Each structure stands twice: as C-alpha cells, then as structure tokens.
C-alpha cells in the first residue's frame, strides 16, 4: 500500500472518529450543564436519575494540562499528524477560554487517542469520570482504551461495568465485554455468558444479545 493511500485512510479514519465522537457526545453529555465541570461536588445527571446523587469528589480535582506536548504514533504519516495538530491546537485554545466544556474535553481526548497518545487521552477520561461521575461516556471510552490499546483487561472490565451500571440499555457495552471475555480475558470461564445474561436481564429479547447468547453456548 503506497504512502498517499495510507495518509488518506488515516485522515479519513480521523474524520470518522471525530464525527462518531460528536454523535455519541451529543446524546449523552448534553444534559450535563457546563458549570458542573468546574464544580467540586457531584452534579446531578438527569439522564441517569431524577434525584440528587451525592458523590464525594476530592476537594481539588486538577484538570489535565492544556500545555501537554502530544506524543504522536511513530507510524503516523506527516499529513495526518498535521491535521491532528490543527484539531488539537484549536480544541485546546477553546478549552482555555471555556475549561468547563465537557464536549471539548471529550473531543480533545478523542484526538489524542487517534494520535496515539493514549495516556493523554486516559488522563482526560479519568478526569471526566471524577467531575461528571453519573455520565457513562468517559467510562465507556476508558473501557475501549484499556481493552484495545493499553491491553489492561482488569481496568477495561472495571470501566465497562461502571458504564453499564449507568447505561444498562447500551448494548455495545455488553458486546465489547463479551468479546473481551471470549478472546482476551477470563477465557474459559462463564464470564462471557454471564455478561450476556445480565444484558438480557436489562434488555429482554434484544436480538444482538440473543445472538451472542447462542454463540456463548457453542463455546
């Protein structure tokens, strides 16, 4: 595969990742007021509960540095790196003006991840789990990061389960855990079948989960 084609594919993947991130962010984070991001007490996420949820947040939650020097993946083509650098610089500049904007933080984390700077993305998502702990997006993103990029399966499991507890109707979370249990972590145990059973308990007759249950029985 020639270099121009590789560059085109990576830039295309970046664009798709950003669009998907915005779609996901749009229906999950929009209910969290921007002011909640700067609060040292837990906000109430009305998508998860109509009652006030009190979570003990450390008195001083330090946000990730906006002066971070991005560590790009060594095999990232120059053109793709330039596109990412522009996106990251723009998002960072906007965050300096509005550091309480959760959408911008999620966008920055997504760009870091595409760049290959996984630990920078991780620090943002961990920060978001502390300041908006009743929103599941950052937990789900951490689950994916730990499962597919950092290969820390216990942490992947922990974050996927936290996301499921907040968003039990998100079928993708059960699917990702099923795949991890089937081929990467806790293989040879009942973990894969158990997570599908939990998914069906929360989402009876869901066709995706029913299919996974049939697959689990054959392994």
Protein backbone atom coordinates (compact mmCIF):
# COMPACT_ATOMS: atom_id res chain seq x y z
CA UNK A 1 0.00 0.00 0.00
CA UNK A 2 1.54 3.33 -1.05
CA UNK A 3 2.11 6.17 1.37
CA UNK A 4 -0.50 8.62 -0.10
CA UNK A 5 -3.18 5.96 0.29
CA UNK A 6 -2.13 5.27 3.88
CA UNK A 7 -2.28 9.00 4.63
CA UNK A 8 -5.74 9.26 3.08
CA UNK A 9 -7.03 6.30 5.09
CA UNK A 10 -5.72 7.66 8.38
CA UNK A 11 -7.17 11.13 7.76
CA UNK A 12 -10.48 9.52 6.80
CA UNK A 13 -10.42 7.44 9.99
CA UNK A 14 -9.74 10.60 11.99
CA UNK A 15 -12.70 12.39 10.45
CA UNK A 16 -14.97 9.41 11.12
CA UNK A 17 -13.73 9.16 14.72
CA UNK A 18 -14.46 12.82 15.37
CA UNK A 19 -17.94 12.59 13.81
CA UNK A 20 -18.76 9.47 15.84
CA UNK A 21 -17.46 11.13 18.98
CA UNK A 22 -19.71 14.14 18.41
CA UNK A 23 -22.73 11.90 17.79
CA UNK A 24 -22.05 9.95 20.97
CA UNK A 25 -21.33 13.07 22.98
CA UNK A 26 -24.44 14.80 21.68
CA UNK A 27 -26.93 12.38 23.20
CA UNK A 28 -25.10 11.61 26.42
CA UNK A 29 -23.31 14.71 27.66
CA UNK A 30 -25.70 17.42 26.56
CA UNK A 31 -27.75 17.00 29.74
CA UNK A 32 -24.77 17.91 31.93
CA UNK A 33 -24.54 21.69 32.41
CA UNK A 34 -21.14 23.19 31.66
CA UNK A 35 -20.97 24.56 35.18
CA UNK A 36 -20.88 21.01 36.51
CA UNK A 37 -17.41 20.58 35.08
CA UNK A 38 -15.93 23.18 37.39
CA UNK A 39 -17.79 22.04 40.49
CA UNK A 40 -16.04 20.13 43.26
CA UNK A 41 -19.26 18.37 44.18
CA UNK A 42 -21.01 15.76 42.09
CA UNK A 43 -23.57 17.10 39.61
CA UNK A 44 -26.93 15.54 39.01
CA UNK A 45 -27.18 13.85 35.61
CA UNK A 46 -30.87 13.88 34.73
CA UNK A 47 -30.36 11.17 32.12
CA UNK A 48 -29.45 8.73 34.89
CA UNK A 49 -31.73 9.78 37.73
CA UNK A 50 -34.22 12.47 38.66
CA UNK A 51 -32.98 12.56 42.25
CA UNK A 52 -29.88 14.28 43.59
CA UNK A 53 -26.90 11.94 43.68
CA UNK A 54 -24.22 12.85 46.18
CA UNK A 55 -20.77 11.55 45.27
CA UNK A 56 -17.71 12.51 47.24
CA UNK A 57 -15.29 14.27 44.91
CA UNK A 58 -11.84 15.28 46.18
CA UNK A 59 -11.86 18.97 47.13
CA UNK A 60 -9.33 19.81 44.44
CA UNK A 61 -9.73 17.92 41.17
CA UNK A 62 -6.94 19.11 38.91
CA UNK A 63 -7.81 19.11 35.20
CA UNK A 64 -5.31 17.70 32.70
CA UNK A 65 -2.71 20.15 31.45
CA UNK A 66 -3.60 22.16 28.37
CA UNK A 67 0.12 22.62 27.70
CA UNK A 68 0.64 18.94 27.01
CA UNK A 69 3.13 18.11 24.23
CA UNK A 70 1.46 15.44 22.13
CA UNK A 71 3.33 12.17 21.66
CA UNK A 72 2.36 11.06 18.15
CA UNK A 73 2.48 7.49 16.97
CA UNK A 74 5.74 6.83 15.12
CA UNK A 75 3.96 5.41 12.07
CA UNK A 76 1.52 8.31 11.73
CA UNK A 77 2.03 10.00 8.33
CA UNK A 78 3.02 13.65 8.29
CA UNK A 79 -0.24 14.81 6.69
CA UNK A 80 -2.36 13.02 9.28
CA UNK A 81 -0.20 14.41 12.07
CA UNK A 82 -0.65 17.94 10.72
CA UNK A 83 -4.43 17.52 10.67
CA UNK A 84 -4.44 16.24 14.23
CA UNK A 85 -2.13 19.01 15.39
CA UNK A 86 -4.53 21.61 13.97
CA UNK A 87 -7.53 19.96 15.64
CA UNK A 88 -5.75 19.63 18.97
CA UNK A 89 -4.50 23.23 18.91
CA UNK A 90 -7.99 24.54 18.13
CA UNK A 91 -9.68 22.45 20.81
CA UNK A 92 -7.04 23.37 23.38
CA UNK A 93 -7.45 27.07 22.62
CA UNK A 94 -11.22 26.79 23.08
CA UNK A 95 -10.78 24.88 26.35
CA UNK A 96 -8.56 27.65 27.70
CA UNK A 97 -11.49 30.00 27.11
CA UNK A 98 -14.08 27.57 28.46
CA UNK A 99 -12.40 24.92 30.67
CA UNK A 100 -15.78 23.69 31.95
CA UNK A 101 -16.88 22.49 28.49
CA UNK A 102 -17.17 18.71 28.69
CA UNK A 103 -17.72 18.36 24.95
CA UNK A 104 -14.35 19.97 24.25
CA UNK A 105 -12.61 17.69 26.73
CA UNK A 106 -14.11 14.64 25.06
CA UNK A 107 -13.11 15.95 21.65
CA UNK A 108 -9.53 16.52 22.84
CA UNK A 109 -9.34 13.01 24.28
CA UNK A 110 -10.59 11.52 21.01
CA UNK A 111 -7.89 13.39 19.07
CA UNK A 112 -5.19 12.28 21.50
CA UNK A 113 -6.30 8.70 21.05
CA UNK A 114 -6.19 8.90 17.24
CA UNK A 115 -2.74 10.48 17.50
CA UNK A 116 -1.58 7.50 19.54
CA UNK A 117 -1.07 9.48 22.76
CA UNK A 118 -3.10 7.02 24.79
CA UNK A 119 -2.02 8.16 28.23
CA UNK A 120 -3.01 11.76 27.48
CA UNK A 121 -6.45 10.55 26.41
CA UNK A 122 -6.64 8.37 29.50
CA UNK A 123 -5.94 11.32 31.82
CA UNK A 124 -8.83 13.30 30.33
CA UNK A 125 -11.32 10.46 30.57
CA UNK A 126 -10.31 9.72 34.17
CA UNK A 127 -10.78 13.42 34.95
CA UNK A 128 -14.26 13.37 33.43
CA UNK A 129 -15.27 10.32 35.48
CA UNK A 130 -14.49 12.40 38.57
CA UNK A 131 -16.30 15.60 37.64
CA UNK A 132 -19.33 14.06 35.89
CA UNK A 133 -19.46 10.62 37.53
CA UNK A 134 -23.08 9.97 36.59
CA UNK A 135 -22.39 10.14 32.85
CA UNK A 136 -21.24 6.89 31.28
CA UNK A 137 -19.34 8.13 28.19
CA UNK A 138 -15.90 8.54 29.76
CA UNK A 139 -16.18 5.14 31.46
CA UNK A 140 -17.04 3.51 28.14
CA UNK A 141 -14.16 5.28 26.40
CA UNK A 142 -11.77 4.10 29.09
CA UNK A 143 -13.04 0.56 28.70
CA UNK A 144 -12.26 0.64 24.99
CA UNK A 145 -8.85 2.24 25.59
CA UNK A 146 -7.81 -0.35 28.15
CA UNK A 147 -9.18 -3.28 26.16
CA UNK A 148 -7.96 -2.48 22.67
CA UNK A 149 -4.96 -0.19 23.08
CA UNK A 150 -3.34 -0.39 26.52
CA UNK A 151 -4.28 -4.06 26.98
CA UNK A 152 -5.11 -3.65 30.66
CA UNK A 153 -8.06 -6.00 30.85
CA UNK A 154 -8.91 -5.66 34.55
CA UNK A 155 -9.22 -1.90 34.11
CA UNK A 156 -11.21 -2.40 30.92
CA UNK A 157 -13.63 -4.64 32.79
CA UNK A 158 -13.91 -2.19 35.68
CA UNK A 159 -14.78 0.73 33.40
CA UNK A 160 -17.15 -1.20 31.15
CA UNK A 161 -19.07 -2.41 34.21
CA UNK A 162 -19.21 1.14 35.57
CA UNK A 163 -20.60 2.30 32.22
CA UNK A 164 -23.19 -0.48 32.21
CA UNK A 165 -24.33 0.45 35.72
CA UNK A 166 -25.03 3.96 34.42
CA UNK A 167 -26.36 2.99 30.99
CA UNK A 168 -27.76 -0.56 31.17
CA UNK A 169 -29.55 -0.20 27.83
CA UNK A 170 -26.35 0.37 25.82
CA UNK A 171 -25.97 -2.95 24.01
CA UNK A 172 -22.49 -2.13 22.69
CA UNK A 173 -21.10 -2.24 26.22
CA UNK A 174 -22.23 -5.84 26.71
CA UNK A 175 -20.96 -6.74 23.24
CA UNK A 176 -17.49 -5.30 23.94
CA UNK A 177 -17.26 -7.11 27.25
CA UNK A 178 -18.43 -10.34 25.62
CA UNK A 179 -15.67 -10.10 23.02
CA UNK A 180 -13.06 -9.38 25.68
CA UNK A 181 -14.18 -12.28 27.86
CA UNK A 182 -14.33 -14.60 24.86
CA UNK A 183 -10.86 -13.99 23.48
CA UNK A 184 -8.73 -11.80 25.76
CA UNK A 185 -9.59 -12.02 29.43
CA UNK A 186 -11.24 -14.62 31.66
CA UNK A 187 -11.41 -17.01 28.73
CA UNK A 188 -12.55 -20.49 29.68
CA UNK A 189 -14.84 -19.11 32.37
CA UNK A 190 -18.53 -18.26 32.43
CA UNK A 191 -17.79 -14.52 32.23
CA UNK A 192 -18.85 -14.15 28.58
CA UNK A 193 -22.13 -16.00 29.13
CA UNK A 194 -22.76 -14.13 32.37
CA UNK A 195 -22.42 -10.66 30.85
CA UNK A 196 -24.80 -11.60 28.05
CA UNK A 197 -27.28 -12.92 30.61
CA UNK A 198 -27.04 -9.64 32.51
CA UNK A 199 -27.62 -7.74 29.27
CA UNK A 200 -30.73 -9.76 28.51
CA UNK A 201 -32.00 -9.23 32.03
CA UNK A 202 -31.77 -5.48 31.45
CA UNK A 203 -32.84 -5.64 27.79
CA UNK A 204 -35.15 -8.65 27.33
CA UNK A 205 -35.22 -10.23 23.85
CA UNK A 206 -32.65 -7.86 22.38
CA UNK A 207 -31.67 -9.58 19.09
CA UNK A 208 -27.96 -8.80 19.38
CA UNK A 209 -27.77 -10.22 22.87
CA UNK A 210 -29.89 -13.24 21.94
CA UNK A 211 -27.42 -13.99 19.13
CA UNK A 212 -24.47 -13.60 21.50
CA UNK A 213 -26.14 -15.95 23.96
CA UNK A 214 -26.37 -18.60 21.24
CA UNK A 215 -22.69 -18.08 20.42
CA UNK A 216 -21.73 -18.39 24.08
CA UNK A 217 -23.48 -21.76 24.28
CA UNK A 218 -21.36 -23.14 21.44
CA UNK A 219 -18.05 -22.26 23.12
